[in-house]
Amino acid sequence: MKHGSNTAYPQEWYHIFVTKLVPPTDYILGIQRSDGTNVLPIDGPFWVSEDFGATYAEFTPETAPTGRPCVEAVEVAAVVDFDPDTLNPKSNGEWVTVYIELPAPYDVRGINASAILLNGALAPVLDPKYGFVSDPAGYVVDHDGDGTWERMVKFDRAAVIALLPPGTNPVRITGALADGTAFAGNDPVRVLGG
């Protein structure tokens, strides 16, 4: 799309986006350069080209094609237990373990392990040669003994330590069920100075 009041002259190329404001049902239509800079709200007419600039269709924020309506995403609040609570970079351990518990009616057996990320960056170990990856009896457990199942996943210990600086760090585990329902939970983890 182009931003500007006259399509007869060269204009900047921008990308359209929708962002959520507060209260939760307020959204704003905007544009930004491809590098994420020069973010502007769309508050007047704009032109969209689907044929690399040969022709343009004019829209206003009220008539802009939406493709599909903006829907508030549902994110299930998971209880996350990171084990151990303190990481020593000098330790020779191979894994760190995370237990994910979901509220009813969600079932941890429906978690898509390949969608899980630690701090949005690190995936768990998914090699099926390990029983804790391939055997449900090994990864669906009641770790805290409260009568509710948890999904256990393991992360490479060295990779986690490389991701977290010394001190107490918020660790966020995100993921999704097989039906696409997203979940997230947090647990603080202390990393000892190297």
C-alpha atoms as a PDB file:
ATOM      1  CA  MET A   1       0.000   0.000   0.000  1.00  0.00           C
ATOM      2  CA  LYS A   2       1.033   3.611  -0.425  1.00  0.00           C
ATOM      3  CA  HIS A   3       0.681   6.451   2.013  1.00  0.00           C
ATOM      4  CA  GLY A   4       0.063   9.965   0.742  1.00  0.00           C
ATOM      5  CA  SER A   5      -2.574  12.250  -0.677  1.00  0.00           C
ATOM      6  CA  ASN A   6      -1.747  11.873  -4.376  1.00  0.00           C
ATOM      7  CA  THR A   7      -1.090   8.563  -6.145  1.00  0.00           C
ATOM      8  CA  ALA A   8       0.337  10.294  -9.242  1.00  0.00           C
ATOM      9  CA  TYR A   9       3.714  10.806  -7.524  1.00  0.00           C
ATOM     10  CA  PRO A  10       6.130   8.304  -5.972  1.00  0.00           C
ATOM     11  CA  GLN A  11       5.130   7.443  -2.427  1.00  0.00           C
ATOM     12  CA  GLU A  12       6.522   5.345   0.412  1.00  0.00           C
ATOM     13  CA  TRP A  13       5.614   1.654   0.481  1.00  0.00           C
ATOM     14  CA  TYR A  14       4.050   0.591   3.763  1.00  0.00           C
ATOM     15  CA  HIS A  15       2.546  -2.484   5.380  1.00  0.00           C
ATOM     16  CA  ILE A  16      -0.893  -2.414   6.947  1.00  0.00           C
ATOM     17  CA  PHE A  17      -1.491  -3.691  10.474  1.00  0.00           C
ATOM     18  CA  VAL A  18      -4.180  -3.835  13.133  1.00  0.00           C
ATOM     19  CA  THR A  19      -3.227  -3.323  16.751  1.00  0.00           C
ATOM     20  CA  LYS A  20      -5.150  -3.773  19.978  1.00  0.00           C
ATOM     21  CA  LEU A  21      -5.666  -0.852  22.333  1.00  0.00           C
ATOM     22  CA  VAL A  22      -7.375  -0.615  25.727  1.00  0.00           C
ATOM     23  CA  PRO A  23     -10.130  -1.309  26.637  1.00  0.00           C
ATOM     24  CA  PRO A  24      -9.836  -4.834  25.194  1.00  0.00           C
ATOM     25  CA  THR A  25     -12.310  -4.336  22.344  1.00  0.00           C
ATOM     26  CA  ASP A  26     -10.618  -1.260  20.802  1.00  0.00           C
ATOM     27  CA  TYR A  27      -8.518  -1.790  17.680  1.00  0.00           C
ATOM     28  CA  ILE A  28      -6.751   0.681  15.409  1.00  0.00           C
ATOM     29  CA  LEU A  29      -5.877   0.363  11.720  1.00  0.00           C
ATOM     30  CA  GLY A  30      -2.374   1.580  10.900  1.00  0.00           C
ATOM     31  CA  ILE A  31       0.582   1.404   8.546  1.00  0.00           C
ATOM     32  CA  GLN A  32       4.325   1.050   9.004  1.00  0.00           C
ATOM     33  CA  ARG A  33       7.413   0.780   6.835  1.00  0.00           C
ATOM     34  CA  SER A  34       8.658  -2.722   6.148  1.00  0.00           C
ATOM     35  CA  ASP A  35      11.423  -2.211   8.736  1.00  0.00           C
ATOM     36  CA  GLY A  36       8.822  -1.404  11.424  1.00  0.00           C
ATOM     37  CA  THR A  37       9.542   2.334  11.540  1.00  0.00           C
ATOM     38  CA  ASN A  38       7.308   5.348  10.816  1.00  0.00           C
ATOM     39  CA  VAL A  39       4.212   3.810  12.390  1.00  0.00           C
ATOM     40  CA  LEU A  40       1.115   5.857  11.542  1.00  0.00           C
ATOM     41  CA  PRO A  41      -2.595   5.406  12.271  1.00  0.00           C
ATOM     42  CA  ILE A  42      -4.819   5.336   9.212  1.00  0.00           C
ATOM     43  CA  ASP A  43      -7.170   8.226   9.844  1.00  0.00           C
ATOM     44  CA  GLY A  44      -7.959   9.265   6.274  1.00  0.00           C
ATOM     45  CA  PRO A  45      -8.175   7.876   2.731  1.00  0.00           C
ATOM     46  CA  PHE A  46      -5.515   5.434   1.588  1.00  0.00           C
ATOM     47  CA  TRP A  47      -4.841   3.500  -1.615  1.00  0.00           C
ATOM     48  CA  VAL A  48      -4.116  -0.183  -2.059  1.00  0.00           C
ATOM     49  CA  SER A  49      -2.566  -1.742  -5.163  1.00  0.00           C
ATOM     50  CA  GLU A  50      -2.784  -5.452  -5.869  1.00  0.00           C
ATOM     51  CA  ASP A  51      -0.868  -5.218  -9.158  1.00  0.00           C
ATOM     52  CA  PHE A  52       2.456  -3.652  -8.121  1.00  0.00           C
ATOM     53  CA  GLY A  53       1.342  -0.055  -8.584  1.00  0.00           C
ATOM     54  CA  ALA A  54      -0.441  -0.277 -11.945  1.00  0.00           C
ATOM     55  CA  THR A  55      -3.829   0.594 -10.414  1.00  0.00           C
ATOM     56  CA  TYR A  56      -5.034   1.629  -6.983  1.00  0.00           C
ATOM     57  CA  ALA A  57      -8.285   1.232  -5.079  1.00  0.00           C
ATOM     58  CA  GLU A  58      -9.111   4.004  -2.594  1.00  0.00           C
ATOM     59  CA  PHE A  59     -10.394   3.162   0.871  1.00  0.00           C
ATOM     60  CA  THR A  60     -11.133   4.920   4.128  1.00  0.00           C
ATOM     61  CA  PRO A  61     -10.743   3.358   7.571  1.00  0.00           C
ATOM     62  CA  GLU A  62     -14.493   2.759   7.608  1.00  0.00           C
ATOM     63  CA  THR A  63     -14.540   0.958   4.227  1.00  0.00           C
ATOM     64  CA  ALA A  64     -11.218  -0.873   4.410  1.00  0.00           C
ATOM     65  CA  PRO A  65     -11.467  -4.558   3.504  1.00  0.00           C
ATOM     66  CA  THR A  66     -10.922  -6.515   6.688  1.00  0.00           C
ATOM     67  CA  GLY A  67     -10.533 -10.037   5.315  1.00  0.00           C
ATOM     68  CA  ARG A  68     -11.871 -11.347   8.612  1.00  0.00           C
ATOM     69  CA  PRO A  69     -13.058  -9.611  11.758  1.00  0.00           C
ATOM     70  CA  CYS A  70     -10.679  -8.887  14.614  1.00  0.00           C
ATOM     71  CA  VAL A  71     -11.417 -11.373  17.382  1.00  0.00           C
ATOM     72  CA  GLU A  72      -9.919 -11.266  20.851  1.00  0.00           C
ATOM     73  CA  ALA A  73      -7.590 -14.262  21.053  1.00  0.00           C
ATOM     74  CA  VAL A  74      -8.248 -16.686  23.883  1.00  0.00           C
ATOM     75  CA  GLU A  75      -5.119 -17.525  25.839  1.00  0.00           C
ATOM     76  CA  VAL A  76      -5.553 -20.119  28.553  1.00  0.00           C
ATOM     77  CA  ALA A  77      -3.647 -19.325  31.765  1.00  0.00           C
ATOM     78  CA  ALA A  78      -1.344 -22.263  32.439  1.00  0.00           C
ATOM     79  CA  VAL A  79       0.392 -23.056  35.721  1.00  0.00           C
ATOM     80  CA  VAL A  80       4.063 -23.546  34.935  1.00  0.00           C
ATOM     81  CA  ASP A  81       6.646 -25.141  37.216  1.00  0.00           C
ATOM     82  CA  PHE A  82      10.260 -24.775  36.090  1.00  0.00           C
ATOM     83  CA  ASP A  83      12.558 -27.347  37.693  1.00  0.00           C
ATOM     84  CA  PRO A  84      15.103 -26.625  39.060  1.00  0.00           C
ATOM     85  CA  ASP A  85      14.183 -23.180  40.388  1.00  0.00           C
ATOM     86  CA  THR A  86      17.865 -22.205  40.436  1.00  0.00           C
ATOM     87  CA  LEU A  87      20.315 -22.918  37.614  1.00  0.00           C
ATOM     88  CA  ASN A  88      24.039 -23.208  38.214  1.00  0.00           C
ATOM     89  CA  PRO A  89      26.010 -22.705  34.982  1.00  0.00           C
ATOM     90  CA  LYS A  90      28.793 -24.864  36.455  1.00  0.00           C
ATOM     91  CA  SER A  91      26.485 -27.846  36.876  1.00  0.00           C
ATOM     92  CA  ASN A  92      26.848 -30.754  34.468  1.00  0.00           C
ATOM     93  CA  GLY A  93      23.104 -31.408  34.151  1.00  0.00           C
ATOM     94  CA  GLU A  94      21.749 -32.093  30.677  1.00  0.00           C
ATOM     95  CA  TRP A  95      18.135 -30.904  30.958  1.00  0.00           C
ATOM     96  CA  VAL A  96      15.800 -28.521  32.700  1.00  0.00           C
ATOM     97  CA  THR A  97      12.225 -29.667  33.124  1.00  0.00           C
ATOM     98  CA  VAL A  98       9.006 -27.694  32.786  1.00  0.00           C
ATOM     99  CA  TYR A  99       5.623 -28.938  33.990  1.00  0.00           C
ATOM    100  CA  ILE A 100       2.564 -27.348  32.356  1.00  0.00           C
ATOM    101  CA  GLU A 101      -0.825 -27.611  34.064  1.00  0.00           C
ATOM    102  CA  LEU A 102      -4.004 -26.380  32.367  1.00  0.00           C
ATOM    103  CA  PRO A 103      -7.312 -25.455  34.009  1.00  0.00           C
ATOM    104  CA  ALA A 104     -10.459 -27.511  33.378  1.00  0.00           C
ATOM    105  CA  PRO A 105     -11.803 -28.318  30.858  1.00  0.00           C
ATOM    106  CA  TYR A 106      -8.476 -28.275  28.958  1.00  0.00           C
ATOM    107  CA  ASP A 107      -6.511 -31.521  28.748  1.00  0.00           C
ATOM    108  CA  VAL A 108      -2.702 -31.476  28.724  1.00  0.00           C
ATOM    109  CA  ARG A 109      -2.759 -34.601  26.540  1.00  0.00           C
ATOM    110  CA  GLY A 110      -3.938 -32.276  23.755  1.00  0.00           C
ATOM    111  CA  ILE A 111      -0.849 -30.053  23.936  1.00  0.00           C
ATOM    112  CA  ASN A 112       1.087 -29.793  20.674  1.00  0.00           C
ATOM    113  CA  ALA A 113       4.659 -30.090  21.983  1.00  0.00           C
ATOM    114  CA  SER A 114       6.122 -28.622  18.782  1.00  0.00           C
ATOM    115  CA  ALA A 115       4.280 -25.337  19.511  1.00  0.00           C
ATOM    116  CA  ILE A 116       5.866 -24.870  22.957  1.00  0.00           C
ATOM    117  CA  LEU A 117       8.453 -22.105  23.380  1.00  0.00           C
ATOM    118  CA  LEU A 118      10.438 -20.818  26.333  1.00  0.00           C
ATOM    119  CA  ASN A 119      10.561 -16.993  26.293  1.00  0.00           C
ATOM    120  CA  GLY A 120       9.395 -17.068  22.682  1.00  0.00           C
ATOM    121  CA  ALA A 121      12.754 -18.388  21.530  1.00  0.00           C
ATOM    122  CA  LEU A 122      13.661 -21.886  22.719  1.00  0.00           C
ATOM    123  CA  ALA A 123      11.834 -25.076  21.759  1.00  0.00           C
ATOM    124  CA  PRO A 124      11.828 -28.136  24.004  1.00  0.00           C
ATOM    125  CA  VAL A 125      13.739 -31.318  23.190  1.00  0.00           C
ATOM    126  CA  LEU A 126      11.520 -33.231  20.744  1.00  0.00           C
ATOM    127  CA  ASP A 127      13.775 -36.069  19.629  1.00  0.00           C
ATOM    128  CA  PRO A 128      11.595 -39.224  19.853  1.00  0.00           C
ATOM    129  CA  LYS A 129      14.587 -41.317  20.903  1.00  0.00           C
ATOM    130  CA  TYR A 130      13.944 -40.011  24.428  1.00  0.00           C
ATOM    131  CA  GLY A 131      11.138 -41.654  26.368  1.00  0.00           C
ATOM    132  CA  PHE A 132      10.096 -38.321  27.860  1.00  0.00           C
ATOM    133  CA  VAL A 133       9.265 -37.247  24.290  1.00  0.00           C
ATOM    134  CA  SER A 134       7.723 -40.376  22.816  1.00  0.00           C
ATOM    135  CA  ASP A 135       5.965 -42.102  25.737  1.00  0.00           C
ATOM    136  CA  PRO A 136       2.816 -40.420  27.149  1.00  0.00           C
ATOM    137  CA  ALA A 137       3.332 -42.337  30.398  1.00  0.00           C
ATOM    138  CA  GLY A 138       6.615 -40.421  30.721  1.00  0.00           C
ATOM    139  CA  TYR A 139       5.367 -36.931  29.863  1.00  0.00           C
ATOM    140  CA  VAL A 140       1.808 -36.855  31.271  1.00  0.00           C
ATOM    141  CA  VAL A 141       2.376 -36.784  35.031  1.00  0.00           C
ATOM    142  CA  ASP A 142       0.949 -35.458  38.283  1.00  0.00           C
ATOM    143  CA  HIS A 143       4.220 -33.893  39.389  1.00  0.00           C
ATOM    144  CA  ASP A 144       2.789 -31.806  42.245  1.00  0.00           C
ATOM    145  CA  GLY A 145       0.394 -34.517  43.471  1.00  0.00           C
ATOM    146  CA  ASP A 146      -2.706 -32.316  43.295  1.00  0.00           C
ATOM    147  CA  GLY A 147      -4.752 -34.760  41.204  1.00  0.00           C
ATOM    148  CA  THR A 148      -4.407 -32.709  37.989  1.00  0.00           C
ATOM    149  CA  TRP A 149      -2.213 -33.917  35.134  1.00  0.00           C
ATOM    150  CA  GLU A 150       0.720 -31.880  33.856  1.00  0.00           C
ATOM    151  CA  ARG A 151       2.511 -32.052  30.510  1.00  0.00           C
ATOM    152  CA  MET A 152       6.226 -32.412  31.129  1.00  0.00           C
ATOM    153  CA  VAL A 153       8.739 -31.087  28.619  1.00  0.00           C
ATOM    154  CA  LYS A 154      12.486 -30.816  28.841  1.00  0.00           C
ATOM    155  CA  PHE A 155      14.804 -28.137  27.484  1.00  0.00           C
ATOM    156  CA  ASP A 156      18.516 -28.298  26.798  1.00  0.00           C
ATOM    157  CA  ARG A 157      20.110 -26.945  29.982  1.00  0.00           C
ATOM    158  CA  ALA A 158      23.023 -25.184  28.260  1.00  0.00           C
ATOM    159  CA  ALA A 159      20.659 -23.468  25.809  1.00  0.00           C
ATOM    160  CA  VAL A 160      18.446 -22.221  28.659  1.00  0.00           C
ATOM    161  CA  ILE A 161      21.466 -20.870  30.576  1.00  0.00           C
ATOM    162  CA  ALA A 162      22.716 -19.150  27.411  1.00  0.00           C
ATOM    163  CA  LEU A 163      19.295 -17.491  27.044  1.00  0.00           C
ATOM    164  CA  LEU A 164      18.979 -16.237  30.643  1.00  0.00           C
ATOM    165  CA  PRO A 165      21.386 -13.769  32.266  1.00  0.00           C
ATOM    166  CA  PRO A 166      22.530 -14.167  35.893  1.00  0.00           C
ATOM    167  CA  GLY A 167      19.886 -13.164  38.410  1.00  0.00           C
ATOM    168  CA  THR A 168      16.183 -13.863  38.696  1.00  0.00           C
ATOM    169  CA  ASN A 169      14.505 -14.111  35.305  1.00  0.00           C
ATOM    170  CA  PRO A 170      10.860 -14.329  34.336  1.00  0.00           C
ATOM    171  CA  VAL A 171      10.418 -17.453  32.241  1.00  0.00           C
ATOM    172  CA  ARG A 172       7.350 -17.536  30.013  1.00  0.00           C
ATOM    173  CA  ILE A 173       6.159 -20.774  28.482  1.00  0.00           C
ATOM    174  CA  THR A 174       3.782 -20.452  25.531  1.00  0.00           C
ATOM    175  CA  GLY A 175       2.171 -23.095  23.381  1.00  0.00           C
ATOM    176  CA  ALA A 176      -1.022 -24.404  21.879  1.00  0.00           C
ATOM    177  CA  LEU A 177      -3.334 -27.361  21.972  1.00  0.00           C
ATOM    178  CA  ALA A 178      -3.894 -29.443  18.856  1.00  0.00           C
ATOM    179  CA  ASP A 179      -7.096 -27.446  18.184  1.00  0.00           C
ATOM    180  CA  GLY A 180      -5.122 -24.179  18.153  1.00  0.00           C
ATOM    181  CA  THR A 181      -6.114 -22.941  21.625  1.00  0.00           C
ATOM    182  CA  ALA A 182      -3.161 -20.931  22.932  1.00  0.00           C
ATOM    183  CA  PHE A 183      -1.837 -21.112  26.485  1.00  0.00           C
ATOM    184  CA  ALA A 184       0.842 -19.307  28.453  1.00  0.00           C
ATOM    185  CA  GLY A 185       2.280 -19.359  31.951  1.00  0.00           C
ATOM    186  CA  ASN A 186       5.200 -17.885  33.880  1.00  0.00           C
ATOM    187  CA  ASP A 187       7.615 -19.034  36.556  1.00  0.00           C
ATOM    188  CA  PRO A 188      10.655 -17.117  37.867  1.00  0.00           C
ATOM    189  CA  VAL A 189      14.026 -18.827  37.549  1.00  0.00           C
ATOM    190  CA  ARG A 190      17.253 -17.804  39.261  1.00  0.00           C
ATOM    191  CA  VAL A 191      20.521 -18.170  37.374  1.00  0.00           C
ATOM    192  CA  LEU A 192      23.680 -18.094  39.465  1.00  0.00           C
ATOM    193  CA  GLY A 193      26.585 -15.941  38.320  1.00  0.00           C
ATOM    194  CA  GLY A 194      28.945 -17.802  36.003  1.00  0.00           C
END
